[in-house]
Amino acid sequence: MSYKIIVADDEFYIRKKLLKIIDYVGLQLELAGDFENGQGVLDYLSGHHADIVLLDIRMPKVSGLDVARFIHENHPEIKVIILSGFSDFEYAQTTLRYQVFDYLLKPVEADTLNTTLENCIHRIEERRQEQNRLDSLSHYEKNIRLNAVLRGKDTFHSMQALYREFEKIRYSAFYAFYVDTDSAPAAGELISALRDEEIECEYFIESDHIFYIQLFLEDDVPEPLCRYHCKKFFRALAQPHFYYFGELFKADTDWLPYRKQALNRLDDRFFSAAGELSSSAVNQVFDETASPSDGTVGIDSIRQSLTRFLNAGDTAGFLNYMETLFGSIVMTKSSDYLHLAVMEICSVFSILSSSRKNCRPLPRDYAQSIIAEEYQLEEILATLSGYGMNYMQSADAVPSDIRLSQGIINYLLEHYQEPSLSVANLAEHFNLTVSYMGSVFKKVNHTSILQFLTTLRITEAKNLLKTRQYKVAEVAEMVGYTDVFYFSKRFKALCGHSPKEFMHLSH
């Protein structure tokens, strides 16, 4: 992360010397601008952001003290460093009133200035981290309350009494998103973009790739603007993505059907081109009780057929059957059929692998996470086929793949605590494409990188919770989660208990 700095001094040569001695690279500083008087600083700050302002105390038009007062009153997050040729107690006392970070005497040496800037940056980071913690806790608390309204355990009227921003809200809407990258950073960036436009909204992380936002509007006029900003955000996103804009509804009605519709419509991604998913469903309703037609594979025959191929070690028959089954899914364009088929396949693997010590059991619930992770049916087919081949001991990994996989695991073990850790920057570290790295890892470990990382983080979280030395929010942060609500959700999904319940039971 870089920090923007402004330098202002009316003496040309002193200003140029300051610009020259600042250690931009070492301190990760970016020069936002240099000015010969305080008015230039004020003009810049009227439309731009800065982190640090380095000011001469005496300048024409607007003095450094005037700028310091303006910043203190209007931009208290900006750190101000005053430069002066006078060792004047009265000046120094005035700067304290404006909470100036430091007061340096001219001529200032490079070491002194850069040490001061380093301390200033450290203070900025401390403040940002504290603000992030506060924002995370506020988001967590609000999400819990909104989730209670969603589940019918509370009313929106009570939310309006608790939160001033909801007082005049009359309408709401759910927008659902799938991104082929980590969902948490994308959700955070999108919500920031919408809030910059003064749009009241909250985000909820559903999985490593799926999130949704809930809009809160006073009337229906801003809703097209919300869609415009979402589309603008996704046009700039390099990774494949899908999104669905749910319909507007009155905020005092039952939210659950609207949320369910938005998330369910994301399943259309398997049968649609990337981008906005149509309000007209591509997904066809599937009746599992009906007899198969048009050559589709019947759901009730999957378990028997797969068991026969796997127990016989018939790899060719197994792969051919899987191709036929997924051909049926493409033909029906039904996510219901997809979910039922994957559930049946996972059930077969779970039953058969329970007797094989060298095979990783695949829980029935794992089927949902496999579907939530992908956007192409071919990838789901490859994952499930890999499990089957592994069961028949026919998918031996080559040594180079094993070495790469171990390298990835070692990197994850070392960096899992970093919230910024993603599959994209992991691929960049190993100088590989995301798809190739992911396929090798999945082939060797029979799980995706994100699933491995989630399991690692939750395992470490359990160890921390058992000590009873940390709050849930602290544990979430320590294992790399910035969203406490999502951490709690993932923890409960994998452990069967919420973090608080787990901490109580492990006592």
Foldseek 3Di string as FASTA:
>chain_A
DAFEEEEEALDVVLRVVVVVLAPCVVLRYDYPYYYNALVVVVVCVVPDDGAEYEAEQDGPPAGPLNSLQVCLVPPVNHAYEYEYQDPDPVVVVSSVVSVHQYYYYPPDDSVRVNVSVNVSVVVSVVVVVVVLLVVQVVLQVVVVVVVCCLVVNDFVVVVVVVDVVQVLFWKKWKKKKFWLWFVVVLQVVLVVQCVVVVWDKHKDDDARGMIMMMTTDNDCVCVVVSVVSVQVSVVPDPTFMEMEIFDMDTRRDNCNVRNVVRVVQLLLLQQDGTYYRDPPRPADDDDLVDDDDPQADRLVCLLVQLLVCLVVLPLVSNLVVLVSNVVNCNVNSHVVSVLSNLLSLLVNQQVVCVPPPPADHRDSVVSVVLSSNDSYPVSSSLLSSLSSCVSSVNLDADPVLVVLLVVLVVVLVVCQLALPDILVVSCVVVVHDSVVSQVSNCNVPSDGPSVVSLVVLLVVLLVVLLVVPDDLSVSCNRRRHSNSNVNQVSNCVVPVHGSVVSSVVSD
